[in-house]
N, C-alpha and C. Protein backbone atom coordinates (compact mmCIF):
# COMPACT_ATOMS: atom_id res chain seq x y z
N UNK A 1 -163.30 118.09 48.44
CA UNK A 1 -162.63 118.19 47.17
C UNK A 1 -162.47 119.67 46.84
N UNK A 2 -161.33 119.99 46.29
CA UNK A 2 -161.05 121.36 45.91
C UNK A 2 -160.78 121.38 44.41
N UNK A 3 -161.48 122.25 43.68
CA UNK A 3 -161.26 122.39 42.25
C UNK A 3 -160.30 123.55 42.02
N UNK A 4 -159.17 123.26 41.40
CA UNK A 4 -158.13 124.26 41.20
C UNK A 4 -158.02 124.55 39.71
N UNK A 5 -158.16 125.82 39.34
CA UNK A 5 -157.95 126.17 37.94
C UNK A 5 -157.18 127.49 37.80
N UNK A 6 -156.50 127.87 38.87
CA UNK A 6 -155.69 129.08 38.85
C UNK A 6 -154.44 128.86 39.69
N UNK A 7 -153.36 129.45 39.29
CA UNK A 7 -152.14 129.38 40.09
C UNK A 7 -151.96 130.65 40.91
N UNK A 8 -152.96 131.52 40.88
CA UNK A 8 -152.88 132.80 41.59
C UNK A 8 -153.65 132.79 42.91
N UNK A 9 -154.64 131.94 43.04
CA UNK A 9 -155.48 131.92 44.24
C UNK A 9 -154.88 131.06 45.34
N UNK A 10 -155.26 131.34 46.57
CA UNK A 10 -154.92 130.50 47.71
C UNK A 10 -156.12 129.59 47.96
N UNK A 11 -155.88 128.29 47.94
CA UNK A 11 -156.95 127.30 48.14
C UNK A 11 -156.83 126.73 49.54
N UNK A 12 -157.86 126.99 50.37
CA UNK A 12 -157.80 126.53 51.75
C UNK A 12 -159.13 125.97 52.25
N UNK A 13 -160.11 125.86 51.37
CA UNK A 13 -161.41 125.33 51.78
C UNK A 13 -161.99 124.47 50.65
N UNK A 14 -162.89 123.61 51.03
CA UNK A 14 -163.57 122.74 50.08
C UNK A 14 -164.33 123.61 49.07
N UNK A 15 -164.30 123.22 47.81
CA UNK A 15 -165.02 123.96 46.78
C UNK A 15 -166.51 123.70 46.90
N UNK A 16 -167.29 124.75 46.74
CA UNK A 16 -168.74 124.62 46.75
C UNK A 16 -169.22 124.67 45.31
N UNK A 17 -169.94 123.65 44.91
CA UNK A 17 -170.48 123.61 43.56
C UNK A 17 -171.95 123.97 43.62
N UNK A 18 -172.32 124.94 42.83
CA UNK A 18 -173.69 125.41 42.83
C UNK A 18 -174.30 125.16 41.46
N UNK A 19 -175.64 125.16 41.41
CA UNK A 19 -176.30 125.08 40.11
C UNK A 19 -175.87 126.26 39.28
N UNK A 20 -175.58 126.01 38.04
CA UNK A 20 -175.15 127.07 37.15
C UNK A 20 -173.71 127.49 37.36
N UNK A 21 -172.92 126.64 38.01
CA UNK A 21 -171.51 126.97 38.24
C UNK A 21 -170.79 127.15 36.91
N UNK A 22 -169.85 128.05 36.90
CA UNK A 22 -169.10 128.32 35.68
C UNK A 22 -168.06 127.24 35.42
N UNK A 23 -167.76 127.04 34.16
CA UNK A 23 -166.69 126.11 33.77
C UNK A 23 -165.35 126.71 34.17
N UNK A 24 -164.33 125.87 34.23
CA UNK A 24 -162.99 126.35 34.52
C UNK A 24 -162.56 127.38 33.49
N UNK A 25 -161.69 128.24 33.92
CA UNK A 25 -161.18 129.28 33.05
C UNK A 25 -160.46 128.68 31.85
N UNK A 26 -160.69 129.25 30.70
CA UNK A 26 -159.99 128.77 29.50
C UNK A 26 -158.51 129.14 29.56
N UNK A 27 -158.15 130.01 30.47
CA UNK A 27 -156.75 130.39 30.62
C UNK A 27 -156.09 129.68 31.80
N UNK A 28 -156.72 128.64 32.29
CA UNK A 28 -156.16 127.88 33.41
C UNK A 28 -154.76 127.41 33.05
N UNK A 29 -153.81 127.54 33.96
CA UNK A 29 -152.45 127.09 33.66
C UNK A 29 -152.33 125.57 33.57
N UNK A 30 -153.39 124.85 33.93
CA UNK A 30 -153.37 123.39 33.87
C UNK A 30 -153.80 122.86 32.50
N UNK A 31 -154.43 123.70 31.70
CA UNK A 31 -154.94 123.28 30.40
C UNK A 31 -153.81 122.75 29.52
N UNK A 32 -154.01 121.54 28.99
CA UNK A 32 -153.05 120.94 28.07
C UNK A 32 -151.81 120.37 28.72
N UNK A 33 -151.77 120.33 30.05
CA UNK A 33 -150.59 119.83 30.76
C UNK A 33 -150.70 118.32 31.01
N UNK A 34 -149.56 117.67 31.09
CA UNK A 34 -149.50 116.26 31.47
C UNK A 34 -149.73 116.14 32.97
N UNK A 35 -149.94 114.92 33.45
CA UNK A 35 -150.09 114.69 34.89
C UNK A 35 -148.84 115.15 35.63
N UNK A 36 -147.67 114.88 35.08
CA UNK A 36 -146.40 115.31 35.69
C UNK A 36 -146.33 116.83 35.78
N UNK A 37 -146.68 117.50 34.71
CA UNK A 37 -146.65 118.97 34.70
C UNK A 37 -147.66 119.55 35.68
N UNK A 38 -148.84 118.94 35.79
CA UNK A 38 -149.84 119.40 36.75
C UNK A 38 -149.34 119.22 38.18
N UNK A 39 -148.67 118.12 38.45
CA UNK A 39 -148.10 117.88 39.78
C UNK A 39 -147.09 118.97 40.14
N UNK A 40 -146.20 119.27 39.22
CA UNK A 40 -145.19 120.30 39.46
C UNK A 40 -145.86 121.66 39.70
N UNK A 41 -146.88 121.96 38.91
CA UNK A 41 -147.60 123.22 39.05
C UNK A 41 -148.36 123.29 40.39
N UNK A 42 -148.96 122.19 40.81
CA UNK A 42 -149.64 122.15 42.10
C UNK A 42 -148.67 122.35 43.26
N UNK A 43 -147.52 121.70 43.20
CA UNK A 43 -146.52 121.88 44.25
C UNK A 43 -146.07 123.34 44.32
N UNK A 44 -145.84 123.93 43.16
CA UNK A 44 -145.43 125.33 43.10
C UNK A 44 -146.53 126.23 43.68
N UNK A 45 -147.76 125.97 43.32
CA UNK A 45 -148.89 126.75 43.82
C UNK A 45 -148.96 126.69 45.34
N UNK A 46 -148.81 125.51 45.91
CA UNK A 46 -148.86 125.35 47.37
C UNK A 46 -147.75 126.13 48.05
N UNK A 47 -146.56 126.07 47.49
CA UNK A 47 -145.42 126.78 48.08
C UNK A 47 -145.60 128.29 47.98
N UNK A 48 -146.08 128.75 46.85
CA UNK A 48 -146.19 130.18 46.59
C UNK A 48 -147.35 130.86 47.30
N UNK A 49 -148.47 130.15 47.46
CA UNK A 49 -149.68 130.78 47.99
C UNK A 49 -150.06 130.28 49.39
N UNK A 50 -149.30 129.34 49.92
CA UNK A 50 -149.64 128.73 51.21
C UNK A 50 -151.00 128.03 51.18
N UNK A 51 -151.37 127.51 50.03
CA UNK A 51 -152.61 126.75 49.92
C UNK A 51 -152.49 125.47 50.72
N UNK A 52 -153.61 125.02 51.24
CA UNK A 52 -153.61 123.82 52.08
C UNK A 52 -153.99 122.58 51.28
N UNK A 53 -153.50 122.50 50.06
CA UNK A 53 -153.74 121.34 49.22
C UNK A 53 -152.72 120.25 49.55
N UNK A 54 -153.08 119.03 49.24
CA UNK A 54 -152.13 117.92 49.31
C UNK A 54 -151.86 117.56 47.85
N UNK A 55 -150.77 118.08 47.27
CA UNK A 55 -150.57 117.97 45.82
C UNK A 55 -150.13 116.61 45.32
N UNK A 56 -149.91 115.65 46.20
CA UNK A 56 -149.39 114.35 45.76
C UNK A 56 -150.48 113.40 45.27
N UNK A 57 -151.73 113.71 45.54
CA UNK A 57 -152.84 112.88 45.08
C UNK A 57 -153.93 113.83 44.58
N UNK A 58 -154.29 113.68 43.30
CA UNK A 58 -155.29 114.59 42.73
C UNK A 58 -155.93 113.95 41.50
N UNK A 59 -156.95 114.62 41.00
CA UNK A 59 -157.65 114.16 39.80
C UNK A 59 -157.63 115.26 38.76
N UNK A 60 -157.56 114.86 37.52
CA UNK A 60 -157.60 115.81 36.41
C UNK A 60 -158.90 115.58 35.64
N UNK A 61 -159.71 116.63 35.59
CA UNK A 61 -160.92 116.62 34.77
C UNK A 61 -160.53 117.31 33.47
N UNK A 62 -160.62 116.58 32.36
CA UNK A 62 -160.16 117.11 31.09
C UNK A 62 -161.25 116.99 30.03
N UNK A 63 -160.90 117.24 28.79
CA UNK A 63 -161.87 117.15 27.70
C UNK A 63 -162.50 115.76 27.62
N UNK A 64 -161.70 114.74 27.84
CA UNK A 64 -162.23 113.38 27.79
C UNK A 64 -163.27 113.16 28.89
N UNK A 65 -163.08 113.81 30.03
CA UNK A 65 -164.04 113.70 31.13
C UNK A 65 -165.44 114.09 30.67
N UNK A 66 -165.51 115.11 29.83
CA UNK A 66 -166.80 115.57 29.31
C UNK A 66 -167.42 114.57 28.34
N UNK A 67 -166.59 113.80 27.68
CA UNK A 67 -167.07 112.87 26.66
C UNK A 67 -167.50 111.52 27.23
N UNK A 68 -166.74 110.99 28.21
CA UNK A 68 -167.05 109.62 28.64
C UNK A 68 -167.17 109.44 30.16
N UNK A 69 -167.35 110.55 30.89
CA UNK A 69 -167.54 110.48 32.35
C UNK A 69 -166.40 109.75 33.05
N UNK A 70 -165.18 110.09 32.66
CA UNK A 70 -163.99 109.53 33.31
C UNK A 70 -163.13 110.68 33.82
N UNK A 71 -162.18 110.35 34.65
CA UNK A 71 -161.27 111.32 35.22
C UNK A 71 -159.89 110.66 35.31
N UNK A 72 -158.85 111.46 35.22
CA UNK A 72 -157.50 110.91 35.35
C UNK A 72 -157.07 111.06 36.80
N UNK A 73 -156.85 109.92 37.48
CA UNK A 73 -156.39 109.93 38.87
C UNK A 73 -154.88 109.92 38.87
N UNK A 74 -154.29 110.75 39.74
CA UNK A 74 -152.84 110.93 39.75
C UNK A 74 -152.32 110.74 41.17
N UNK A 75 -151.23 109.99 41.26
CA UNK A 75 -150.55 109.79 42.54
C UNK A 75 -149.07 110.02 42.30
N UNK A 76 -148.49 110.92 43.09
CA UNK A 76 -147.07 111.25 42.95
C UNK A 76 -146.32 110.83 44.20
N UNK A 77 -145.09 110.40 44.01
CA UNK A 77 -144.22 110.10 45.13
C UNK A 77 -143.51 111.40 45.52
N UNK A 78 -143.77 111.86 46.73
CA UNK A 78 -143.24 113.15 47.18
C UNK A 78 -141.72 113.21 47.12
N UNK A 79 -141.07 112.11 47.46
CA UNK A 79 -139.60 112.10 47.49
C UNK A 79 -138.98 112.04 46.10
N UNK A 80 -139.45 111.11 45.26
CA UNK A 80 -138.84 110.95 43.94
C UNK A 80 -139.46 111.85 42.88
N UNK A 81 -140.69 112.30 43.11
CA UNK A 81 -141.39 113.10 42.11
C UNK A 81 -141.99 112.26 41.01
N UNK A 82 -141.87 110.92 41.12
CA UNK A 82 -142.44 110.02 40.12
C UNK A 82 -143.96 110.09 40.18
N UNK A 83 -144.59 110.15 39.02
CA UNK A 83 -146.04 110.28 38.92
C UNK A 83 -146.63 109.06 38.22
N UNK A 84 -147.67 108.50 38.82
CA UNK A 84 -148.44 107.41 38.22
C UNK A 84 -149.86 107.93 38.00
N UNK A 85 -150.49 107.51 36.93
CA UNK A 85 -151.87 107.94 36.68
C UNK A 85 -152.68 106.82 36.07
N UNK A 86 -153.99 106.92 36.24
CA UNK A 86 -154.91 105.95 35.67
C UNK A 86 -156.22 106.66 35.36
N UNK A 87 -156.83 106.32 34.24
CA UNK A 87 -158.14 106.86 33.91
C UNK A 87 -159.18 105.98 34.58
N UNK A 88 -160.14 106.62 35.29
CA UNK A 88 -161.16 105.89 36.04
C UNK A 88 -162.55 106.49 35.80
N UNK A 89 -163.55 105.68 36.03
CA UNK A 89 -164.92 106.17 35.92
C UNK A 89 -165.22 107.09 37.10
N UNK A 90 -166.16 108.01 36.90
CA UNK A 90 -166.55 108.92 37.98
C UNK A 90 -167.03 108.15 39.20
N UNK A 91 -167.69 107.00 38.97
CA UNK A 91 -168.29 106.24 40.07
C UNK A 91 -167.28 105.80 41.12
N UNK A 92 -166.05 105.55 40.73
CA UNK A 92 -165.08 105.05 41.70
C UNK A 92 -163.95 106.02 42.00
N UNK A 93 -163.94 107.17 41.34
CA UNK A 93 -162.81 108.09 41.45
C UNK A 93 -162.55 108.55 42.89
N UNK A 94 -163.54 109.02 43.58
CA UNK A 94 -163.34 109.55 44.93
C UNK A 94 -162.86 108.45 45.88
N UNK A 95 -163.48 107.29 45.79
CA UNK A 95 -163.09 106.15 46.63
C UNK A 95 -161.64 105.77 46.39
N UNK A 96 -161.23 105.71 45.14
CA UNK A 96 -159.84 105.33 44.82
C UNK A 96 -158.86 106.39 45.33
N UNK A 97 -159.19 107.67 45.20
CA UNK A 97 -158.31 108.72 45.70
C UNK A 97 -158.13 108.60 47.21
N UNK A 98 -159.20 108.29 47.93
CA UNK A 98 -159.11 108.11 49.38
C UNK A 98 -158.24 106.90 49.71
N UNK A 99 -158.33 105.84 48.90
CA UNK A 99 -157.49 104.67 49.13
C UNK A 99 -156.02 104.97 48.83
N UNK A 100 -155.74 105.80 47.83
CA UNK A 100 -154.36 106.22 47.57
C UNK A 100 -153.82 106.97 48.77
N UNK A 101 -154.64 107.87 49.30
CA UNK A 101 -154.22 108.68 50.44
C UNK A 101 -153.92 107.80 51.66
N UNK A 102 -154.71 106.74 51.85
CA UNK A 102 -154.52 105.84 52.98
C UNK A 102 -153.48 104.76 52.68
N UNK A 103 -152.93 104.77 51.49
CA UNK A 103 -151.93 103.79 51.04
C UNK A 103 -152.50 102.38 50.99
N UNK A 104 -153.82 102.28 50.78
CA UNK A 104 -154.46 100.98 50.61
C UNK A 104 -154.46 100.54 49.15
N UNK A 105 -154.14 101.44 48.25
CA UNK A 105 -154.11 101.16 46.82
C UNK A 105 -153.15 102.16 46.18
N UNK A 106 -152.87 101.93 44.90
CA UNK A 106 -151.98 102.84 44.19
C UNK A 106 -152.39 102.98 42.74
N UNK A 107 -152.09 104.14 42.17
CA UNK A 107 -152.44 104.40 40.78
C UNK A 107 -151.72 103.45 39.82
N UNK A 108 -150.51 103.04 40.16
CA UNK A 108 -149.77 102.12 39.30
C UNK A 108 -150.46 100.78 39.18
N UNK A 109 -150.91 100.23 40.32
CA UNK A 109 -151.63 98.95 40.28
C UNK A 109 -152.97 99.10 39.56
N UNK A 110 -153.64 100.24 39.82
CA UNK A 110 -154.93 100.47 39.16
C UNK A 110 -154.74 100.60 37.64
N UNK A 111 -153.65 101.24 37.21
CA UNK A 111 -153.40 101.37 35.77
C UNK A 111 -153.22 100.00 35.13
N UNK A 112 -152.50 99.10 35.82
CA UNK A 112 -152.32 97.74 35.30
C UNK A 112 -153.67 97.06 35.12
N UNK A 113 -154.57 97.25 36.07
CA UNK A 113 -155.91 96.68 35.98
C UNK A 113 -156.69 97.31 34.83
N UNK A 114 -156.59 98.63 34.71
CA UNK A 114 -157.32 99.35 33.66
C UNK A 114 -156.84 98.97 32.26
N UNK A 115 -155.55 98.67 32.14
CA UNK A 115 -155.00 98.29 30.84
C UNK A 115 -155.60 97.00 30.31
N UNK A 116 -156.24 96.23 31.16
CA UNK A 116 -156.89 94.99 30.74
C UNK A 116 -158.27 95.22 30.16
N UNK A 117 -158.80 96.44 30.27
CA UNK A 117 -160.13 96.73 29.75
C UNK A 117 -160.06 97.18 28.31
N UNK A 118 -161.17 97.17 27.63
CA UNK A 118 -161.20 97.51 26.20
C UNK A 118 -160.83 98.96 25.93
N UNK A 119 -161.08 99.86 26.92
CA UNK A 119 -160.80 101.27 26.70
C UNK A 119 -159.80 101.89 27.68
N UNK A 120 -159.18 101.03 28.50
CA UNK A 120 -158.17 101.50 29.44
C UNK A 120 -158.71 102.28 30.63
N UNK A 121 -159.97 102.05 30.98
CA UNK A 121 -160.61 102.78 32.07
C UNK A 121 -160.86 101.83 33.24
N UNK A 122 -160.49 102.28 34.44
CA UNK A 122 -160.74 101.53 35.66
C UNK A 122 -162.19 101.73 36.06
N UNK A 123 -162.87 100.61 36.27
CA UNK A 123 -164.29 100.66 36.66
C UNK A 123 -164.53 99.74 37.85
N UNK A 124 -165.73 99.87 38.40
CA UNK A 124 -166.14 99.03 39.54
C UNK A 124 -166.06 97.57 39.14
């Protein structure tokens, strides 16, 4: 997993999280952006910096993530640019992202499932 909070850096290796790691920059260009806007920014970052990210599947850790241990999972169609997203619990986020990558699942179907819950969050 790579944590991206700058459009200036080249990202080519897995992020290392250490005890006492700093929070993302308050000037991150992703702050306050929609999933669609983040997708466009990630694609631009990859083109501009030659980062080895796969921008079509990613997760957004936002203010809500700090409150309820959820993350927004995003899957974009490379050809159409259409973006689907679903809020999921931390417990299943990585597994679901891997399934999106393998085309065994999709954010659109997961969102339909999540919409049936009391708070719109996909859980185990």
